[in-house]
Amino acid sequence: MCCNGLVRTLVQRVSSAAVELTETGECVGRIGTGLLALVGATHGDDPDGARRLASKVWNLRVFPDAGGAMNLSLADLRERGEESSVLVVSQFTLYGDTRRGRRPSFVAAADPAVAEPLIEVFIRELGSLGATTATGRFGADMDVSLVNDGPVTLMLEV
């Protein structure tokens, strides 16, 4: 079942993450404690879905409370005056279909002209909610490095 909206992001809780352009080695985005969000768009996605997904990421309770349970969100960290950062990297391969053969099909991934504006809406919404955001560069070959904290990795779909 599919609904309209930016429906897929792979989120990892990190103690640090960075993205560099492969060709030049230029660091274009870096965060400390927070979330790395690999975000993809598919056909029929819309800005409302991008905003819903940003809200879900912002309110996702994956950070430990004083007892060590995953009860705190980025919003909670922000309220406590702690770092609440998200590194957003576009990732069309989240829509790779590997059910047949050995080469993934990417026909479910939205065209770049559709995907890029939706990912920008996602980033702006996170910023308006209070997150400090950093990004990769849309369409570029990038090297992403991270220290996965936990490890905690979740696929979110709205």
N, C-alpha and C. Protein backbone atom coordinates (compact mmCIF):
# COMPACT_ATOMS: atom_id res chain seq x y z
N MET A 1 0.84 -1.19 0.00
CA MET A 1 0.00 0.00 0.00
C MET A 1 0.88 1.23 0.00
N CYS A 2 0.59 2.21 -0.82
CA CYS A 2 1.38 3.43 -0.90
C CYS A 2 0.46 4.63 -0.78
N CYS A 3 0.94 5.59 -0.11
CA CYS A 3 0.19 6.84 0.02
C CYS A 3 1.05 7.95 -0.55
N ASN A 4 0.46 9.13 -0.75
CA ASN A 4 1.26 10.27 -1.17
C ASN A 4 2.11 10.74 -0.01
N GLY A 5 3.28 11.19 -0.31
CA GLY A 5 4.18 11.70 0.71
C GLY A 5 5.59 11.23 0.48
N LEU A 6 6.54 11.89 1.11
CA LEU A 6 7.93 11.44 1.04
C LEU A 6 8.00 10.26 1.98
N VAL A 7 7.94 9.06 1.45
CA VAL A 7 7.60 7.91 2.28
C VAL A 7 8.76 7.13 2.84
N ARG A 8 10.00 7.47 2.55
CA ARG A 8 11.07 6.60 3.01
C ARG A 8 12.33 7.37 3.42
N THR A 9 12.80 7.07 4.63
CA THR A 9 14.10 7.54 5.08
C THR A 9 14.72 6.49 5.99
N LEU A 10 15.99 6.28 5.82
CA LEU A 10 16.74 5.41 6.72
C LEU A 10 17.44 6.34 7.69
N VAL A 11 17.13 6.18 8.99
CA VAL A 11 17.65 7.07 10.02
C VAL A 11 18.61 6.29 10.91
N GLN A 12 19.76 6.88 11.17
CA GLN A 12 20.73 6.29 12.07
C GLN A 12 21.07 7.29 13.16
N ARG A 13 21.02 6.83 14.42
CA ARG A 13 21.45 7.67 15.53
C ARG A 13 22.97 7.67 15.51
N VAL A 14 23.57 8.85 15.54
CA VAL A 14 25.01 8.96 15.41
C VAL A 14 25.61 9.84 16.51
N SER A 15 26.87 9.54 16.82
CA SER A 15 27.61 10.46 17.68
C SER A 15 28.37 11.46 16.82
N SER A 16 28.55 11.14 15.53
CA SER A 16 29.08 12.08 14.55
C SER A 16 28.83 11.53 13.15
N ALA A 17 28.73 12.43 12.18
CA ALA A 17 28.56 12.03 10.78
C ALA A 17 29.03 13.17 9.89
N ALA A 18 29.53 12.80 8.73
CA ALA A 18 30.00 13.81 7.77
C ALA A 18 29.81 13.28 6.36
N VAL A 19 29.72 14.20 5.42
CA VAL A 19 29.62 13.84 4.01
C VAL A 19 30.60 14.71 3.22
N GLU A 20 31.38 14.03 2.37
CA GLU A 20 32.36 14.70 1.51
C GLU A 20 32.03 14.40 0.06
N LEU A 21 32.34 15.34 -0.81
CA LEU A 21 32.21 15.10 -2.24
C LEU A 21 33.34 14.17 -2.65
N THR A 22 33.00 13.08 -3.32
CA THR A 22 33.99 12.07 -3.68
C THR A 22 35.09 12.65 -4.56
N GLU A 23 34.72 13.44 -5.54
CA GLU A 23 35.69 13.96 -6.51
C GLU A 23 36.71 14.90 -5.90
N THR A 24 36.27 15.78 -5.00
CA THR A 24 37.17 16.81 -4.48
C THR A 24 37.59 16.59 -3.03
N GLY A 25 36.86 15.76 -2.29
CA GLY A 25 37.14 15.58 -0.87
C GLY A 25 36.60 16.71 -0.01
N GLU A 26 35.88 17.66 -0.62
CA GLU A 26 35.31 18.78 0.13
C GLU A 26 34.22 18.29 1.08
N CYS A 27 34.35 18.65 2.36
CA CYS A 27 33.31 18.32 3.34
C CYS A 27 32.17 19.32 3.17
N VAL A 28 30.98 18.81 2.82
CA VAL A 28 29.83 19.70 2.59
C VAL A 28 28.81 19.64 3.72
N GLY A 29 28.95 18.68 4.63
CA GLY A 29 28.04 18.59 5.76
C GLY A 29 28.65 17.78 6.88
N ARG A 30 28.44 18.25 8.12
CA ARG A 30 29.00 17.55 9.28
C ARG A 30 28.14 17.85 10.50
N ILE A 31 27.91 16.81 11.33
CA ILE A 31 27.20 17.01 12.59
C ILE A 31 27.90 16.21 13.68
N GLY A 32 27.60 16.57 14.92
CA GLY A 32 27.99 15.76 16.07
C GLY A 32 26.83 14.84 16.41
N THR A 33 26.46 14.80 17.66
CA THR A 33 25.35 13.95 18.11
C THR A 33 24.06 14.32 17.38
N GLY A 34 23.36 13.32 16.90
CA GLY A 34 22.10 13.56 16.21
C GLY A 34 21.69 12.38 15.37
N LEU A 35 21.10 12.69 14.21
CA LEU A 35 20.61 11.66 13.30
C LEU A 35 21.17 11.88 11.91
N LEU A 36 21.53 10.79 11.25
CA LEU A 36 21.84 10.79 9.83
C LEU A 36 20.57 10.28 9.15
N ALA A 37 20.04 11.07 8.23
CA ALA A 37 18.81 10.68 7.51
C ALA A 37 19.13 10.54 6.03
N LEU A 38 19.10 9.30 5.54
CA LEU A 38 19.22 9.03 4.11
C LEU A 38 17.81 9.07 3.57
N VAL A 39 17.52 9.99 2.65
CA VAL A 39 16.14 10.27 2.24
C VAL A 39 15.96 10.02 0.75
N GLY A 40 14.90 9.28 0.43
CA GLY A 40 14.56 9.02 -0.97
C GLY A 40 13.12 9.38 -1.27
N ALA A 41 12.87 9.69 -2.53
CA ALA A 41 11.52 10.03 -2.97
C ALA A 41 11.10 9.07 -4.08
N THR A 42 9.81 8.82 -4.13
CA THR A 42 9.26 7.97 -5.18
C THR A 42 8.13 8.71 -5.89
N HIS A 43 7.57 8.08 -6.90
CA HIS A 43 6.51 8.68 -7.70
C HIS A 43 5.28 8.97 -6.83
N GLY A 44 4.68 10.12 -7.03
CA GLY A 44 3.49 10.48 -6.28
C GLY A 44 3.77 11.15 -4.95
N ASP A 45 5.03 11.28 -4.59
CA ASP A 45 5.36 11.94 -3.33
C ASP A 45 5.02 13.43 -3.43
N ASP A 46 4.75 14.04 -2.28
CA ASP A 46 4.35 15.44 -2.28
C ASP A 46 4.93 16.18 -1.08
N PRO A 47 4.89 17.51 -1.10
CA PRO A 47 5.46 18.30 -0.01
C PRO A 47 4.84 18.01 1.36
N ASP A 48 3.53 17.71 1.39
CA ASP A 48 2.90 17.37 2.68
C ASP A 48 3.56 16.16 3.31
N GLY A 49 3.84 15.17 2.50
CA GLY A 49 4.52 13.97 2.99
C GLY A 49 5.92 14.29 3.49
N ALA A 50 6.61 15.18 2.80
CA ALA A 50 7.95 15.58 3.23
C ALA A 50 7.88 16.25 4.61
N ARG A 51 6.87 17.08 4.81
CA ARG A 51 6.71 17.75 6.12
C ARG A 51 6.33 16.74 7.21
N ARG A 52 5.45 15.78 6.89
CA ARG A 52 5.09 14.75 7.87
C ARG A 52 6.30 13.91 8.27
N LEU A 53 7.11 13.57 7.29
CA LEU A 53 8.30 12.77 7.57
C LEU A 53 9.29 13.55 8.43
N ALA A 54 9.46 14.83 8.16
CA ALA A 54 10.35 15.66 8.98
C ALA A 54 9.86 15.70 10.42
N SER A 55 8.55 15.84 10.60
CA SER A 55 7.99 15.85 11.95
C SER A 55 8.22 14.51 12.65
N LYS A 56 8.07 13.43 11.90
CA LYS A 56 8.29 12.11 12.49
C LYS A 56 9.75 11.95 12.93
N VAL A 57 10.68 12.39 12.09
CA VAL A 57 12.10 12.33 12.45
C VAL A 57 12.38 13.19 13.68
N TRP A 58 11.85 14.40 13.71
CA TRP A 58 12.07 15.33 14.81
C TRP A 58 11.55 14.77 16.14
N ASN A 59 10.45 14.05 16.08
CA ASN A 59 9.81 13.55 17.30
C ASN A 59 10.10 12.07 17.60
N LEU A 60 10.94 11.44 16.80
CA LEU A 60 11.27 10.04 16.97
C LEU A 60 12.08 9.84 18.26
N ARG A 61 11.58 9.01 19.14
CA ARG A 61 12.20 8.80 20.47
C ARG A 61 13.25 7.69 20.38
N VAL A 62 14.48 8.09 20.05
CA VAL A 62 15.58 7.12 19.89
C VAL A 62 16.81 7.47 20.72
N PHE A 63 16.73 8.53 21.49
CA PHE A 63 17.87 8.93 22.33
C PHE A 63 17.62 8.48 23.76
N PRO A 64 18.68 8.08 24.46
CA PRO A 64 18.50 7.54 25.81
C PRO A 64 18.15 8.61 26.84
N ASP A 65 17.25 8.22 27.75
CA ASP A 65 16.96 9.08 28.90
C ASP A 65 17.96 8.74 30.01
N ALA A 66 17.76 9.28 31.19
CA ALA A 66 18.69 9.06 32.31
C ALA A 66 18.81 7.59 32.68
N GLY A 67 17.77 6.80 32.41
CA GLY A 67 17.79 5.37 32.72
C GLY A 67 18.31 4.52 31.58
N GLY A 68 18.67 5.14 30.46
CA GLY A 68 19.20 4.41 29.32
C GLY A 68 18.15 3.93 28.33
N ALA A 69 16.86 4.17 28.60
CA ALA A 69 15.80 3.76 27.67
C ALA A 69 15.67 4.78 26.55
N MET A 70 15.32 4.32 25.35
CA MET A 70 15.14 5.23 24.21
C MET A 70 13.80 5.96 24.36
N ASN A 71 13.83 7.06 25.09
CA ASN A 71 12.62 7.83 25.37
C ASN A 71 12.69 9.28 24.91
N LEU A 72 13.82 9.72 24.39
CA LEU A 72 13.98 11.13 24.04
C LEU A 72 14.10 11.31 22.53
N SER A 73 13.54 12.40 22.06
CA SER A 73 13.59 12.77 20.64
C SER A 73 14.55 13.94 20.46
N LEU A 74 14.78 14.31 19.21
CA LEU A 74 15.54 15.53 18.94
C LEU A 74 14.86 16.73 19.59
N ALA A 75 13.52 16.77 19.54
CA ALA A 75 12.77 17.86 20.16
C ALA A 75 13.06 17.93 21.65
N ASP A 76 13.09 16.76 22.31
CA ASP A 76 13.38 16.72 23.75
C ASP A 76 14.80 17.20 24.03
N LEU A 77 15.74 16.78 23.20
CA LEU A 77 17.13 17.22 23.39
C LEU A 77 17.22 18.74 23.26
N ARG A 78 16.52 19.30 22.26
CA ARG A 78 16.53 20.75 22.04
C ARG A 78 15.99 21.48 23.27
N GLU A 79 14.89 20.95 23.84
CA GLU A 79 14.31 21.57 25.04
C GLU A 79 15.29 21.59 26.20
N ARG A 80 16.15 20.57 26.26
CA ARG A 80 17.15 20.47 27.34
C ARG A 80 18.42 21.26 27.02
N GLY A 81 18.46 21.91 25.87
CA GLY A 81 19.62 22.70 25.48
C GLY A 81 20.75 21.86 24.90
N GLU A 82 20.44 20.63 24.49
CA GLU A 82 21.46 19.75 23.92
C GLU A 82 21.41 19.80 22.40
N GLU A 83 22.46 19.26 21.78
CA GLU A 83 22.55 19.24 20.33
C GLU A 83 21.39 18.44 19.73
N SER A 84 20.80 18.98 18.67
CA SER A 84 19.69 18.31 17.98
C SER A 84 19.89 18.48 16.48
N SER A 85 20.85 17.74 15.95
CA SER A 85 21.28 17.90 14.57
C SER A 85 20.84 16.74 13.70
N VAL A 86 20.63 17.05 12.41
CA VAL A 86 20.31 16.04 11.42
C VAL A 86 21.17 16.30 10.18
N LEU A 87 21.88 15.26 9.74
CA LEU A 87 22.59 15.31 8.47
C LEU A 87 21.70 14.60 7.45
N VAL A 88 21.25 15.34 6.45
CA VAL A 88 20.34 14.81 5.44
C VAL A 88 21.11 14.55 4.15
N VAL A 89 21.02 13.31 3.66
CA VAL A 89 21.70 12.92 2.43
C VAL A 89 20.67 12.28 1.50
N SER A 90 20.54 12.83 0.30
CA SER A 90 19.61 12.24 -0.67
C SER A 90 20.11 10.85 -1.07
N GLN A 91 19.17 9.92 -1.23
CA GLN A 91 19.55 8.51 -1.43
C GLN A 91 18.52 7.82 -2.30
N PHE A 92 18.63 7.99 -3.62
CA PHE A 92 17.66 7.36 -4.52
C PHE A 92 17.71 5.83 -4.43
N THR A 93 18.83 5.27 -3.98
CA THR A 93 18.95 3.81 -3.92
C THR A 93 18.06 3.19 -2.85
N LEU A 94 17.44 4.00 -1.99
CA LEU A 94 16.46 3.46 -1.05
C LEU A 94 15.28 2.83 -1.79
N TYR A 95 15.10 3.23 -3.04
CA TYR A 95 14.03 2.66 -3.85
C TYR A 95 14.54 1.62 -4.85
N GLY A 96 15.71 1.06 -4.58
CA GLY A 96 16.23 -0.01 -5.41
C GLY A 96 15.43 -1.29 -5.19
N ASP A 97 15.04 -1.94 -6.27
CA ASP A 97 14.28 -3.18 -6.20
C ASP A 97 15.21 -4.33 -6.60
N THR A 98 15.44 -5.24 -5.67
CA THR A 98 16.37 -6.35 -5.90
C THR A 98 15.65 -7.70 -5.96
N ARG A 99 14.35 -7.69 -6.16
CA ARG A 99 13.60 -8.94 -6.17
C ARG A 99 13.95 -9.83 -7.36
N ARG A 100 14.39 -9.25 -8.45
CA ARG A 100 14.71 -10.04 -9.64
C ARG A 100 16.14 -9.76 -10.07
N GLY A 101 16.85 -10.80 -10.40
CA GLY A 101 18.19 -10.64 -10.95
C GLY A 101 19.19 -10.18 -9.91
N ARG A 102 20.33 -9.72 -10.42
CA ARG A 102 21.43 -9.29 -9.54
C ARG A 102 21.68 -7.80 -9.60
N ARG A 103 21.03 -7.11 -10.52
CA ARG A 103 21.21 -5.67 -10.65
C ARG A 103 19.94 -4.98 -10.17
N PRO A 104 20.06 -4.06 -9.22
CA PRO A 104 18.86 -3.37 -8.73
C PRO A 104 18.20 -2.53 -9.82
N SER A 105 16.89 -2.47 -9.77
CA SER A 105 16.12 -1.58 -10.63
C SER A 105 15.74 -0.35 -9.81
N PHE A 106 15.87 0.81 -10.42
CA PHE A 106 15.56 2.05 -9.70
C PHE A 106 14.36 2.77 -10.31
N VAL A 107 13.48 2.04 -10.98
CA VAL A 107 12.32 2.67 -11.62
C VAL A 107 11.36 3.27 -10.60
N ALA A 108 11.41 2.83 -9.35
CA ALA A 108 10.52 3.38 -8.33
C ALA A 108 11.04 4.71 -7.77
N ALA A 109 12.30 5.03 -8.02
CA ALA A 109 12.86 6.29 -7.53
C ALA A 109 12.33 7.45 -8.38
N ALA A 110 11.98 8.54 -7.72
CA ALA A 110 11.48 9.72 -8.43
C ALA A 110 12.59 10.34 -9.26
N ASP A 111 12.21 10.97 -10.36
CA ASP A 111 13.17 11.71 -11.17
C ASP A 111 13.81 12.80 -10.31
N PRO A 112 15.07 13.13 -10.58
CA PRO A 112 15.74 14.18 -9.79
C PRO A 112 14.98 15.50 -9.73
N ALA A 113 14.32 15.88 -10.82
CA ALA A 113 13.57 17.15 -10.84
C ALA A 113 12.41 17.14 -9.86
N VAL A 114 11.91 15.96 -9.52
CA VAL A 114 10.83 15.81 -8.55
C VAL A 114 11.40 15.62 -7.15
N ALA A 115 12.43 14.79 -7.04
CA ALA A 115 12.97 14.42 -5.73
C ALA A 115 13.67 15.58 -5.03
N GLU A 116 14.47 16.34 -5.75
CA GLU A 116 15.26 17.40 -5.10
C GLU A 116 14.39 18.42 -4.36
N PRO A 117 13.33 18.96 -4.97
CA PRO A 117 12.49 19.92 -4.23
C PRO A 117 11.83 19.30 -3.00
N LEU A 118 11.47 18.01 -3.08
CA LEU A 118 10.85 17.36 -1.93
C LEU A 118 11.84 17.20 -0.78
N ILE A 119 13.05 16.85 -1.10
CA ILE A 119 14.08 16.72 -0.06
C ILE A 119 14.38 18.09 0.55
N GLU A 120 14.35 19.14 -0.27
CA GLU A 120 14.53 20.50 0.26
C GLU A 120 13.41 20.88 1.22
N VAL A 121 12.18 20.50 0.92
CA VAL A 121 11.05 20.73 1.84
C VAL A 121 11.31 20.01 3.16
N PHE A 122 11.75 18.77 3.09
CA PHE A 122 12.08 17.98 4.28
C PHE A 122 13.12 18.71 5.13
N ILE A 123 14.17 19.20 4.51
CA ILE A 123 15.25 19.90 5.22
C ILE A 123 14.73 21.19 5.85
N ARG A 124 13.98 21.98 5.08
CA ARG A 124 13.43 23.24 5.62
C ARG A 124 12.50 22.99 6.80
N GLU A 125 11.68 21.95 6.69
CA GLU A 125 10.75 21.64 7.78
C GLU A 125 11.51 21.25 9.05
N LEU A 126 12.54 20.43 8.91
CA LEU A 126 13.36 20.09 10.09
C LEU A 126 13.92 21.35 10.73
N GLY A 127 14.42 22.27 9.91
CA GLY A 127 14.95 23.53 10.43
C GLY A 127 13.89 24.36 11.13
N SER A 128 12.69 24.40 10.57
CA SER A 128 11.62 25.19 11.19
C SER A 128 11.17 24.57 12.51
N LEU A 129 11.34 23.25 12.65
CA LEU A 129 10.99 22.59 13.91
C LEU A 129 12.04 22.84 14.99
N GLY A 130 13.25 23.21 14.58
CA GLY A 130 14.30 23.52 15.55
C GLY A 130 15.58 22.73 15.38
N ALA A 131 15.63 21.85 14.38
CA ALA A 131 16.84 21.06 14.17
C ALA A 131 17.93 21.90 13.52
N THR A 132 19.15 21.62 13.89
CA THR A 132 20.30 22.13 13.15
C THR A 132 20.52 21.12 12.03
N THR A 133 20.50 21.60 10.77
CA THR A 133 20.62 20.67 9.66
C THR A 133 21.92 20.89 8.89
N ALA A 134 22.43 19.79 8.36
CA ALA A 134 23.54 19.81 7.43
C ALA A 134 23.13 18.86 6.31
N THR A 135 23.72 19.03 5.13
CA THR A 135 23.29 18.22 4.00
C THR A 135 24.47 17.78 3.15
N GLY A 136 24.19 16.78 2.35
CA GLY A 136 25.09 16.42 1.27
C GLY A 136 24.76 17.32 0.09
N ARG A 137 25.20 16.94 -1.09
CA ARG A 137 24.88 17.69 -2.30
C ARG A 137 24.08 16.79 -3.22
N PHE A 138 22.88 17.22 -3.54
CA PHE A 138 21.97 16.40 -4.34
C PHE A 138 22.63 16.00 -5.66
N GLY A 139 22.55 14.71 -5.98
CA GLY A 139 23.04 14.20 -7.25
C GLY A 139 24.54 13.97 -7.33
N ALA A 140 25.28 14.35 -6.31
CA ALA A 140 26.74 14.19 -6.34
C ALA A 140 27.14 12.82 -5.82
N ASP A 141 28.31 12.36 -6.25
CA ASP A 141 28.91 11.18 -5.63
C ASP A 141 29.52 11.64 -4.32
N MET A 142 29.14 10.97 -3.23
CA MET A 142 29.54 11.40 -1.91
C MET A 142 30.09 10.25 -1.10
N ASP A 143 30.97 10.59 -0.18
CA ASP A 143 31.47 9.65 0.82
C ASP A 143 30.85 10.06 2.15
N VAL A 144 30.07 9.15 2.73
CA VAL A 144 29.40 9.43 4.00
C VAL A 144 30.12 8.64 5.09
N SER A 145 30.53 9.32 6.13
CA SER A 145 31.14 8.64 7.27
C SER A 145 30.29 8.91 8.50
N LEU A 146 30.23 7.91 9.37
CA LEU A 146 29.42 8.07 10.56
C LEU A 146 29.90 7.15 11.66
N VAL A 147 29.59 7.55 12.88
CA VAL A 147 29.74 6.67 14.03
C VAL A 147 28.33 6.41 14.51
N ASN A 148 27.83 5.21 14.20
CA ASN A 148 26.47 4.82 14.54
C ASN A 148 26.44 4.55 16.04
N ASP A 149 25.62 5.29 16.74
CA ASP A 149 25.51 5.21 18.20
C ASP A 149 24.45 4.18 18.57
N GLY A 150 24.86 3.12 19.23
CA GLY A 150 23.91 2.12 19.69
C GLY A 150 24.32 0.71 19.32
N PRO A 151 24.27 0.32 18.09
CA PRO A 151 23.79 1.03 16.90
C PRO A 151 22.27 1.09 16.85
N VAL A 152 21.77 2.21 16.37
CA VAL A 152 20.34 2.41 16.16
C VAL A 152 20.14 2.81 14.71
N THR A 153 19.42 1.98 13.96
CA THR A 153 19.11 2.25 12.55
C THR A 153 17.65 1.85 12.31
N LEU A 154 16.88 2.79 11.77
CA LEU A 154 15.44 2.55 11.55
C LEU A 154 15.03 3.03 10.16
N MET A 155 14.14 2.27 9.51
CA MET A 155 13.54 2.69 8.26
C MET A 155 12.19 3.33 8.61
N LEU A 156 12.00 4.57 8.18
CA LEU A 156 10.75 5.27 8.43
C LEU A 156 9.99 5.45 7.13
N GLU A 157 8.70 5.18 7.19
CA GLU A 157 7.83 5.41 6.05
C GLU A 157 6.56 6.06 6.58
N VAL A 158 6.12 7.09 5.86
CA VAL A 158 4.87 7.76 6.26
C VAL A 158 3.89 7.72 5.11
